[in-house]
Amino acid sequence: MMGPEELLEFLARHGITTRTYEHAPVFTVEQSRRLRGELPGGHCKCLFLKDKNAALWLVVTLEHQKIDLKNLRRELGARKGLSFASAELLLEILGVEPGAVTPFAVINDRASRVKVVLDRGMLELDPLNYHPLTNDRTTAISPADLRRFLTACDHEPTLVDF
């Protein structure tokens, strides 16, 4: 599994421009709001979800967005319910702990088990802010570069209007 330094090196090798800020670890959206101060751009949350057939999704949206799992299940074609995946599965598949879930974690999903779902409205903000595989840093990236990153990791996203 890659860590934050390897991720940032990967981004640089692929010509993807980012800016990373260090801060105290944060575990919730509320903690992030209090800590970030005037950090510009869209601030996001990521949900690692599974259905009863073990299909996996990483849903990435703006932090204030409400997610209706029943409606999302229908939109994604998930089978027999959609729920949060366990911390153990998160670590096994994406190599991150709860509180550090990020679209950057698909770099560790070499088997491409996870389907990435992006909030279309989120992509209108620039930059977008995510943890770089650890929750004591925030990395700003443009929407276009986020999509380039996902493509480089063989995770073409599905765009959804929330």
N, C-alpha and C. Protein backbone atom coordinates (compact mmCIF):
# COMPACT_ATOMS: atom_id res chain seq x y z
N MET A 1 0.83 -1.19 0.00
CA MET A 1 0.00 0.00 0.00
C MET A 1 0.88 1.25 0.00
N MET A 2 0.46 2.20 -0.80
CA MET A 2 1.18 3.48 -0.83
C MET A 2 0.77 4.33 0.36
N GLY A 3 1.70 5.17 0.78
CA GLY A 3 1.45 6.15 1.81
C GLY A 3 1.43 7.54 1.20
N PRO A 4 1.31 8.57 2.03
CA PRO A 4 1.18 9.95 1.54
C PRO A 4 2.35 10.41 0.66
N GLU A 5 3.56 10.07 1.05
CA GLU A 5 4.72 10.53 0.28
C GLU A 5 4.75 9.91 -1.11
N GLU A 6 4.45 8.60 -1.20
CA GLU A 6 4.40 7.93 -2.50
C GLU A 6 3.27 8.48 -3.36
N LEU A 7 2.15 8.80 -2.74
CA LEU A 7 1.04 9.41 -3.47
C LEU A 7 1.46 10.73 -4.08
N LEU A 8 2.08 11.59 -3.28
CA LEU A 8 2.49 12.91 -3.79
C LEU A 8 3.53 12.77 -4.89
N GLU A 9 4.40 11.79 -4.78
CA GLU A 9 5.38 11.53 -5.85
C GLU A 9 4.67 11.07 -7.13
N PHE A 10 3.68 10.20 -6.98
CA PHE A 10 2.89 9.72 -8.12
C PHE A 10 2.22 10.90 -8.83
N LEU A 11 1.60 11.77 -8.06
CA LEU A 11 0.94 12.95 -8.64
C LEU A 11 1.94 13.80 -9.41
N ALA A 12 3.09 14.06 -8.82
CA ALA A 12 4.12 14.87 -9.48
C ALA A 12 4.61 14.20 -10.76
N ARG A 13 4.83 12.89 -10.72
CA ARG A 13 5.28 12.15 -11.92
C ARG A 13 4.27 12.24 -13.05
N HIS A 14 3.00 12.36 -12.72
CA HIS A 14 1.95 12.45 -13.73
C HIS A 14 1.60 13.89 -14.09
N GLY A 15 2.42 14.83 -13.64
CA GLY A 15 2.21 16.24 -13.99
C GLY A 15 0.96 16.83 -13.36
N ILE A 16 0.52 16.26 -12.25
CA ILE A 16 -0.68 16.74 -11.56
C ILE A 16 -0.26 17.69 -10.45
N THR A 17 -0.74 18.91 -10.55
CA THR A 17 -0.36 19.96 -9.61
C THR A 17 -1.26 19.89 -8.38
N THR A 18 -0.62 19.90 -7.21
CA THR A 18 -1.36 19.92 -5.95
C THR A 18 -0.63 20.84 -4.98
N ARG A 19 -1.33 21.16 -3.91
CA ARG A 19 -0.72 21.89 -2.80
C ARG A 19 -1.19 21.21 -1.52
N THR A 20 -0.24 20.84 -0.66
CA THR A 20 -0.57 20.11 0.56
C THR A 20 -0.30 20.96 1.78
N TYR A 21 -1.27 20.95 2.70
CA TYR A 21 -1.19 21.69 3.96
C TYR A 21 -1.15 20.69 5.10
N GLU A 22 -0.26 20.92 6.06
CA GLU A 22 -0.20 20.06 7.25
C GLU A 22 -1.04 20.68 8.35
N HIS A 23 -1.65 19.82 9.19
CA HIS A 23 -2.47 20.28 10.31
C HIS A 23 -2.62 19.14 11.30
N ALA A 24 -3.24 19.43 12.42
CA ALA A 24 -3.52 18.38 13.41
C ALA A 24 -4.47 17.37 12.77
N PRO A 25 -4.42 16.11 13.19
CA PRO A 25 -5.34 15.12 12.64
C PRO A 25 -6.80 15.51 12.87
N VAL A 26 -7.62 15.26 11.84
CA VAL A 26 -9.06 15.49 11.95
C VAL A 26 -9.77 14.19 11.58
N PHE A 27 -10.89 13.94 12.24
CA PHE A 27 -11.62 12.70 12.04
C PHE A 27 -13.03 12.92 11.53
N THR A 28 -13.53 14.16 11.62
CA THR A 28 -14.89 14.44 11.20
C THR A 28 -14.92 15.72 10.37
N VAL A 29 -16.01 15.90 9.64
CA VAL A 29 -16.21 17.13 8.87
C VAL A 29 -16.20 18.33 9.81
N GLU A 30 -16.83 18.21 10.96
CA GLU A 30 -16.89 19.32 11.91
C GLU A 30 -15.50 19.71 12.40
N GLN A 31 -14.66 18.74 12.72
CA GLN A 31 -13.29 19.05 13.13
C GLN A 31 -12.54 19.75 12.01
N SER A 32 -12.75 19.29 10.80
CA SER A 32 -12.09 19.91 9.65
C SER A 32 -12.51 21.36 9.49
N ARG A 33 -13.80 21.63 9.64
CA ARG A 33 -14.30 23.01 9.51
C ARG A 33 -13.62 23.93 10.52
N ARG A 34 -13.49 23.46 11.75
CA ARG A 34 -12.88 24.30 12.80
C ARG A 34 -11.40 24.54 12.54
N LEU A 35 -10.73 23.57 11.98
CA LEU A 35 -9.28 23.63 11.85
C LEU A 35 -8.79 24.35 10.59
N ARG A 36 -9.52 24.28 9.51
CA ARG A 36 -8.98 24.71 8.22
C ARG A 36 -8.86 26.21 8.04
N GLY A 37 -9.58 27.00 8.80
CA GLY A 37 -9.47 28.45 8.66
C GLY A 37 -9.93 28.90 7.29
N GLU A 38 -9.07 29.61 6.60
CA GLU A 38 -9.41 30.22 5.31
C GLU A 38 -8.95 29.41 4.11
N LEU A 39 -8.73 28.13 4.29
CA LEU A 39 -8.28 27.28 3.18
C LEU A 39 -9.32 27.34 2.05
N PRO A 40 -8.93 27.82 0.86
CA PRO A 40 -9.90 28.02 -0.22
C PRO A 40 -10.35 26.72 -0.88
N GLY A 41 -11.47 26.81 -1.58
CA GLY A 41 -11.93 25.70 -2.41
C GLY A 41 -13.05 24.90 -1.80
N GLY A 42 -13.40 23.81 -2.48
CA GLY A 42 -14.45 22.91 -2.04
C GLY A 42 -13.91 21.92 -1.03
N HIS A 43 -14.60 21.81 0.08
CA HIS A 43 -14.21 20.86 1.12
C HIS A 43 -15.17 19.68 1.04
N CYS A 44 -14.61 18.50 1.06
CA CYS A 44 -15.36 17.32 0.65
C CYS A 44 -15.37 16.23 1.71
N LYS A 45 -16.30 15.31 1.54
CA LYS A 45 -16.36 14.11 2.35
C LYS A 45 -16.43 12.91 1.41
N CYS A 46 -16.00 11.78 1.94
CA CYS A 46 -15.96 10.56 1.14
C CYS A 46 -16.61 9.44 1.94
N LEU A 47 -17.48 8.70 1.28
CA LEU A 47 -18.18 7.58 1.91
C LEU A 47 -17.77 6.28 1.22
N PHE A 48 -17.30 5.33 2.00
CA PHE A 48 -16.92 4.03 1.47
C PHE A 48 -18.09 3.08 1.74
N LEU A 49 -18.75 2.67 0.66
CA LEU A 49 -20.01 1.94 0.76
C LEU A 49 -19.93 0.57 0.10
N LYS A 50 -20.82 -0.32 0.55
CA LYS A 50 -20.91 -1.66 -0.05
C LYS A 50 -22.37 -2.06 -0.13
N ASP A 51 -22.65 -3.01 -1.01
CA ASP A 51 -23.99 -3.58 -1.04
C ASP A 51 -23.91 -5.03 -0.55
N LYS A 52 -25.04 -5.71 -0.53
CA LYS A 52 -25.10 -7.08 0.01
C LYS A 52 -24.33 -8.08 -0.85
N ASN A 53 -24.03 -7.71 -2.10
CA ASN A 53 -23.26 -8.59 -2.98
C ASN A 53 -21.78 -8.28 -2.96
N ALA A 54 -21.34 -7.45 -2.02
CA ALA A 54 -19.94 -7.09 -1.82
C ALA A 54 -19.39 -6.14 -2.89
N ALA A 55 -20.26 -5.49 -3.67
CA ALA A 55 -19.80 -4.44 -4.57
C ALA A 55 -19.43 -3.23 -3.72
N LEU A 56 -18.41 -2.49 -4.14
CA LEU A 56 -17.88 -1.38 -3.34
C LEU A 56 -17.93 -0.07 -4.13
N TRP A 57 -18.24 1.01 -3.42
CA TRP A 57 -18.26 2.36 -4.01
C TRP A 57 -17.56 3.33 -3.09
N LEU A 58 -16.89 4.29 -3.69
CA LEU A 58 -16.35 5.43 -2.97
C LEU A 58 -17.09 6.65 -3.48
N VAL A 59 -17.95 7.21 -2.65
CA VAL A 59 -18.78 8.35 -3.02
C VAL A 59 -18.10 9.61 -2.49
N VAL A 60 -17.85 10.57 -3.39
CA VAL A 60 -17.13 11.79 -3.04
C VAL A 60 -18.03 12.98 -3.36
N THR A 61 -18.27 13.79 -2.34
CA THR A 61 -19.18 14.92 -2.49
C THR A 61 -18.75 16.07 -1.59
N LEU A 62 -19.39 17.20 -1.76
CA LEU A 62 -19.12 18.33 -0.88
C LEU A 62 -19.55 17.99 0.53
N GLU A 63 -18.83 18.50 1.51
CA GLU A 63 -19.04 18.12 2.90
C GLU A 63 -20.45 18.37 3.42
N HIS A 64 -21.14 19.36 2.89
CA HIS A 64 -22.48 19.70 3.39
C HIS A 64 -23.60 18.89 2.72
N GLN A 65 -23.25 18.13 1.70
CA GLN A 65 -24.24 17.41 0.92
C GLN A 65 -24.89 16.28 1.72
N LYS A 66 -26.19 16.22 1.70
CA LYS A 66 -26.93 15.11 2.32
C LYS A 66 -27.00 13.96 1.32
N ILE A 67 -26.78 12.76 1.80
CA ILE A 67 -26.81 11.58 0.94
C ILE A 67 -27.94 10.66 1.40
N ASP A 68 -28.86 10.38 0.50
CA ASP A 68 -29.95 9.44 0.76
C ASP A 68 -29.50 8.09 0.18
N LEU A 69 -29.13 7.17 1.05
CA LEU A 69 -28.58 5.89 0.59
C LEU A 69 -29.59 5.07 -0.22
N LYS A 70 -30.87 5.19 0.08
CA LYS A 70 -31.87 4.44 -0.70
C LYS A 70 -31.93 4.94 -2.14
N ASN A 71 -31.96 6.25 -2.31
CA ASN A 71 -31.97 6.80 -3.67
C ASN A 71 -30.66 6.53 -4.38
N LEU A 72 -29.56 6.67 -3.67
CA LEU A 72 -28.25 6.41 -4.26
C LEU A 72 -28.14 4.95 -4.70
N ARG A 73 -28.67 4.04 -3.89
CA ARG A 73 -28.63 2.62 -4.25
C ARG A 73 -29.29 2.38 -5.60
N ARG A 74 -30.44 3.00 -5.79
CA ARG A 74 -31.14 2.84 -7.08
C ARG A 74 -30.32 3.46 -8.21
N GLU A 75 -29.78 4.63 -7.99
CA GLU A 75 -29.01 5.32 -9.04
C GLU A 75 -27.77 4.51 -9.43
N LEU A 76 -27.14 3.87 -8.47
CA LEU A 76 -25.91 3.11 -8.74
C LEU A 76 -26.19 1.68 -9.19
N GLY A 77 -27.41 1.23 -9.00
CA GLY A 77 -27.72 -0.16 -9.33
C GLY A 77 -27.19 -1.13 -8.30
N ALA A 78 -27.01 -0.66 -7.08
CA ALA A 78 -26.54 -1.52 -6.00
C ALA A 78 -27.62 -2.56 -5.68
N ARG A 79 -27.20 -3.71 -5.23
CA ARG A 79 -28.12 -4.81 -4.97
C ARG A 79 -28.40 -4.94 -3.47
N LYS A 80 -29.66 -5.09 -3.15
CA LYS A 80 -30.08 -5.47 -1.79
C LYS A 80 -29.55 -4.55 -0.71
N GLY A 81 -29.60 -3.28 -0.90
CA GLY A 81 -29.21 -2.34 0.15
C GLY A 81 -27.80 -1.83 0.00
N LEU A 82 -27.60 -0.65 0.52
CA LEU A 82 -26.30 0.02 0.47
C LEU A 82 -25.99 0.46 1.89
N SER A 83 -24.79 0.15 2.36
CA SER A 83 -24.40 0.51 3.73
C SER A 83 -22.92 0.88 3.76
N PHE A 84 -22.51 1.40 4.92
CA PHE A 84 -21.10 1.73 5.08
C PHE A 84 -20.28 0.46 5.22
N ALA A 85 -19.15 0.42 4.53
CA ALA A 85 -18.25 -0.73 4.64
C ALA A 85 -17.47 -0.61 5.95
N SER A 86 -16.95 -1.72 6.41
CA SER A 86 -16.23 -1.77 7.68
C SER A 86 -14.86 -1.07 7.59
N ALA A 87 -14.36 -0.70 8.75
CA ALA A 87 -13.02 -0.11 8.83
C ALA A 87 -11.97 -1.12 8.35
N GLU A 88 -12.20 -2.39 8.62
CA GLU A 88 -11.26 -3.43 8.19
C GLU A 88 -11.20 -3.53 6.67
N LEU A 89 -12.36 -3.48 6.03
CA LEU A 89 -12.40 -3.54 4.57
C LEU A 89 -11.79 -2.27 3.96
N LEU A 90 -12.05 -1.14 4.58
CA LEU A 90 -11.45 0.13 4.13
C LEU A 90 -9.93 0.03 4.13
N LEU A 91 -9.37 -0.47 5.20
CA LEU A 91 -7.92 -0.62 5.30
C LEU A 91 -7.39 -1.65 4.32
N GLU A 92 -8.10 -2.76 4.18
CA GLU A 92 -7.67 -3.83 3.28
C GLU A 92 -7.67 -3.38 1.81
N ILE A 93 -8.72 -2.70 1.38
CA ILE A 93 -8.88 -2.37 -0.04
C ILE A 93 -8.22 -1.04 -0.40
N LEU A 94 -8.42 -0.01 0.44
CA LEU A 94 -7.93 1.33 0.09
C LEU A 94 -6.71 1.76 0.90
N GLY A 95 -6.37 1.02 1.93
CA GLY A 95 -5.15 1.32 2.69
C GLY A 95 -5.23 2.56 3.55
N VAL A 96 -6.43 2.96 3.95
CA VAL A 96 -6.59 4.13 4.82
C VAL A 96 -7.48 3.78 6.00
N GLU A 97 -7.33 4.58 7.05
CA GLU A 97 -8.14 4.44 8.25
C GLU A 97 -9.38 5.32 8.15
N PRO A 98 -10.41 5.04 8.93
CA PRO A 98 -11.54 5.96 9.00
C PRO A 98 -11.04 7.36 9.40
N GLY A 99 -11.60 8.37 8.81
CA GLY A 99 -11.14 9.73 9.04
C GLY A 99 -10.17 10.21 7.98
N ALA A 100 -9.64 9.28 7.19
CA ALA A 100 -8.70 9.64 6.13
C ALA A 100 -9.20 9.18 4.76
N VAL A 101 -10.49 8.86 4.65
CA VAL A 101 -11.05 8.37 3.39
C VAL A 101 -10.97 9.50 2.36
N THR A 102 -10.54 9.14 1.17
CA THR A 102 -10.20 10.12 0.15
C THR A 102 -10.24 9.49 -1.24
N PRO A 103 -10.52 10.27 -2.28
CA PRO A 103 -10.44 9.67 -3.62
C PRO A 103 -9.01 9.25 -3.97
N PHE A 104 -8.02 9.85 -3.31
CA PHE A 104 -6.63 9.46 -3.58
C PHE A 104 -6.37 8.01 -3.18
N ALA A 105 -7.20 7.43 -2.31
CA ALA A 105 -6.98 6.06 -1.84
C ALA A 105 -7.15 5.01 -2.93
N VAL A 106 -7.80 5.36 -4.04
CA VAL A 106 -7.95 4.36 -5.10
C VAL A 106 -6.60 3.97 -5.69
N ILE A 107 -5.56 4.74 -5.40
CA ILE A 107 -4.22 4.36 -5.85
C ILE A 107 -3.83 3.01 -5.26
N ASN A 108 -4.43 2.64 -4.12
CA ASN A 108 -4.14 1.37 -3.47
C ASN A 108 -5.08 0.25 -3.89
N ASP A 109 -6.08 0.55 -4.68
CA ASP A 109 -7.05 -0.46 -5.14
C ASP A 109 -6.59 -1.02 -6.49
N ARG A 110 -5.56 -1.80 -6.45
CA ARG A 110 -4.95 -2.33 -7.68
C ARG A 110 -5.87 -3.29 -8.43
N ALA A 111 -6.79 -3.91 -7.73
CA ALA A 111 -7.72 -4.85 -8.36
C ALA A 111 -8.96 -4.14 -8.91
N SER A 112 -9.03 -2.83 -8.76
CA SER A 112 -10.17 -2.03 -9.25
C SER A 112 -11.51 -2.56 -8.75
N ARG A 113 -11.57 -2.88 -7.46
CA ARG A 113 -12.82 -3.35 -6.86
C ARG A 113 -13.79 -2.22 -6.57
N VAL A 114 -13.24 -1.02 -6.37
CA VAL A 114 -14.06 0.12 -5.94
C VAL A 114 -14.49 0.95 -7.14
N LYS A 115 -15.78 1.27 -7.18
CA LYS A 115 -16.30 2.18 -8.20
C LYS A 115 -16.35 3.58 -7.58
N VAL A 116 -15.80 4.55 -8.27
CA VAL A 116 -15.76 5.92 -7.76
C VAL A 116 -16.97 6.69 -8.28
N VAL A 117 -17.63 7.39 -7.36
CA VAL A 117 -18.80 8.20 -7.69
C VAL A 117 -18.49 9.63 -7.25
N LEU A 118 -18.52 10.56 -8.20
CA LEU A 118 -18.24 11.97 -7.90
C LEU A 118 -19.51 12.80 -8.03
N ASP A 119 -19.66 13.72 -7.11
CA ASP A 119 -20.74 14.70 -7.14
C ASP A 119 -20.44 15.69 -8.27
N ARG A 120 -21.30 15.74 -9.27
CA ARG A 120 -21.08 16.62 -10.42
C ARG A 120 -20.93 18.08 -9.97
N GLY A 121 -21.74 18.53 -9.01
CA GLY A 121 -21.66 19.91 -8.53
C GLY A 121 -20.34 20.22 -7.86
N MET A 122 -19.74 19.24 -7.21
CA MET A 122 -18.44 19.42 -6.56
C MET A 122 -17.38 19.83 -7.57
N LEU A 123 -17.49 19.30 -8.78
CA LEU A 123 -16.48 19.53 -9.81
C LEU A 123 -16.51 20.96 -10.35
N GLU A 124 -17.47 21.75 -9.93
CA GLU A 124 -17.53 23.16 -10.33
C GLU A 124 -16.66 24.05 -9.45
N LEU A 125 -16.14 23.50 -8.35
CA LEU A 125 -15.30 24.27 -7.44
C LEU A 125 -13.83 23.96 -7.68
N ASP A 126 -13.00 24.95 -7.52
CA ASP A 126 -11.57 24.78 -7.75
C ASP A 126 -10.80 25.67 -6.77
N PRO A 127 -9.94 25.05 -5.97
CA PRO A 127 -9.56 23.64 -5.92
C PRO A 127 -10.54 22.83 -5.08
N LEU A 128 -10.31 21.51 -5.10
CA LEU A 128 -11.01 20.58 -4.23
C LEU A 128 -10.00 20.08 -3.20
N ASN A 129 -10.46 19.85 -1.99
CA ASN A 129 -9.56 19.49 -0.88
C ASN A 129 -9.87 18.11 -0.34
N TYR A 130 -8.81 17.27 -0.27
CA TYR A 130 -8.93 15.90 0.22
C TYR A 130 -7.70 15.56 1.05
N HIS A 131 -7.85 14.58 1.93
CA HIS A 131 -6.70 14.06 2.66
C HIS A 131 -5.82 13.24 1.70
N PRO A 132 -4.50 13.39 1.82
CA PRO A 132 -3.61 12.58 0.98
C PRO A 132 -3.22 11.26 1.67
N LEU A 133 -4.22 10.42 1.97
CA LEU A 133 -4.08 9.11 2.60
C LEU A 133 -3.82 9.18 4.10
N THR A 134 -3.81 10.36 4.66
CA THR A 134 -3.64 10.55 6.09
C THR A 134 -4.45 11.78 6.49
N ASN A 135 -4.98 11.78 7.70
CA ASN A 135 -5.86 12.88 8.09
C ASN A 135 -5.16 14.03 8.81
N ASP A 136 -3.83 14.08 8.70
CA ASP A 136 -3.11 15.22 9.27
C ASP A 136 -2.58 16.16 8.18
N ARG A 137 -3.14 16.02 7.00
CA ARG A 137 -2.80 16.89 5.88
C ARG A 137 -4.03 17.05 4.99
N THR A 138 -4.06 18.11 4.23
CA THR A 138 -5.09 18.33 3.22
C THR A 138 -4.38 18.69 1.93
N THR A 139 -4.78 18.07 0.83
CA THR A 139 -4.19 18.34 -0.47
C THR A 139 -5.25 18.94 -1.38
N ALA A 140 -4.91 20.10 -1.95
CA ALA A 140 -5.78 20.80 -2.89
C ALA A 140 -5.41 20.38 -4.31
N ILE A 141 -6.44 20.13 -5.11
CA ILE A 141 -6.25 19.67 -6.48
C ILE A 141 -7.38 20.24 -7.33
N SER A 142 -7.11 20.53 -8.59
CA SER A 142 -8.16 21.01 -9.48
C SER A 142 -9.07 19.84 -9.85
N PRO A 143 -10.33 20.13 -10.20
CA PRO A 143 -11.22 19.05 -10.64
C PRO A 143 -10.67 18.30 -11.85
N ALA A 144 -10.08 19.01 -12.79
CA ALA A 144 -9.52 18.35 -13.98
C ALA A 144 -8.38 17.41 -13.59
N ASP A 145 -7.53 17.85 -12.67
CA ASP A 145 -6.43 16.99 -12.23
C ASP A 145 -6.92 15.82 -11.39
N LEU A 146 -7.99 16.01 -10.63
CA LEU A 146 -8.57 14.88 -9.90
C LEU A 146 -9.00 13.81 -10.89
N ARG A 147 -9.66 14.22 -11.95
CA ARG A 147 -10.12 13.25 -12.95
C ARG A 147 -8.93 12.60 -13.67
N ARG A 148 -7.87 13.36 -13.93
CA ARG A 148 -6.65 12.79 -14.53
C ARG A 148 -6.06 11.74 -13.60
N PHE A 149 -6.02 12.05 -12.30
CA PHE A 149 -5.51 11.10 -11.31
C PHE A 149 -6.33 9.81 -11.34
N LEU A 150 -7.66 9.93 -11.28
CA LEU A 150 -8.51 8.75 -11.27
C LEU A 150 -8.31 7.90 -12.53
N THR A 151 -8.18 8.55 -13.67
CA THR A 151 -7.92 7.84 -14.92
C THR A 151 -6.57 7.12 -14.86
N ALA A 152 -5.55 7.78 -14.32
CA ALA A 152 -4.23 7.16 -14.20
C ALA A 152 -4.25 5.94 -13.28
N CYS A 153 -5.21 5.90 -12.37
CA CYS A 153 -5.36 4.77 -11.45
C CYS A 153 -6.40 3.76 -11.93
N ASP A 154 -6.85 3.90 -13.18
CA ASP A 154 -7.85 2.99 -13.77
C ASP A 154 -9.16 2.98 -12.98
N HIS A 155 -9.61 4.15 -12.56
CA HIS A 155 -10.87 4.30 -11.83
C HIS A 155 -11.68 5.43 -12.45
N GLU A 156 -12.21 5.19 -13.64
CA GLU A 156 -13.06 6.20 -14.28
C GLU A 156 -14.28 6.45 -13.40
N PRO A 157 -14.53 7.69 -13.04
CA PRO A 157 -15.63 7.95 -12.12
C PRO A 157 -17.00 7.99 -12.81
N THR A 158 -18.02 7.72 -12.02
CA THR A 158 -19.40 7.97 -12.40
C THR A 158 -19.77 9.32 -11.80
N LEU A 159 -20.39 10.20 -12.60
CA LEU A 159 -20.81 11.50 -12.10
C LEU A 159 -22.29 11.45 -11.75
N VAL A 160 -22.62 11.97 -10.57
CA VAL A 160 -23.99 11.94 -10.08
C VAL A 160 -24.36 13.34 -9.59
N ASP A 161 -25.60 13.73 -9.84
CA ASP A 161 -26.13 14.97 -9.29
C ASP A 161 -26.81 14.65 -7.96
N PHE A 162 -26.26 15.17 -6.89
CA PHE A 162 -26.84 14.92 -5.56
C PHE A 162 -27.83 16.00 -5.22
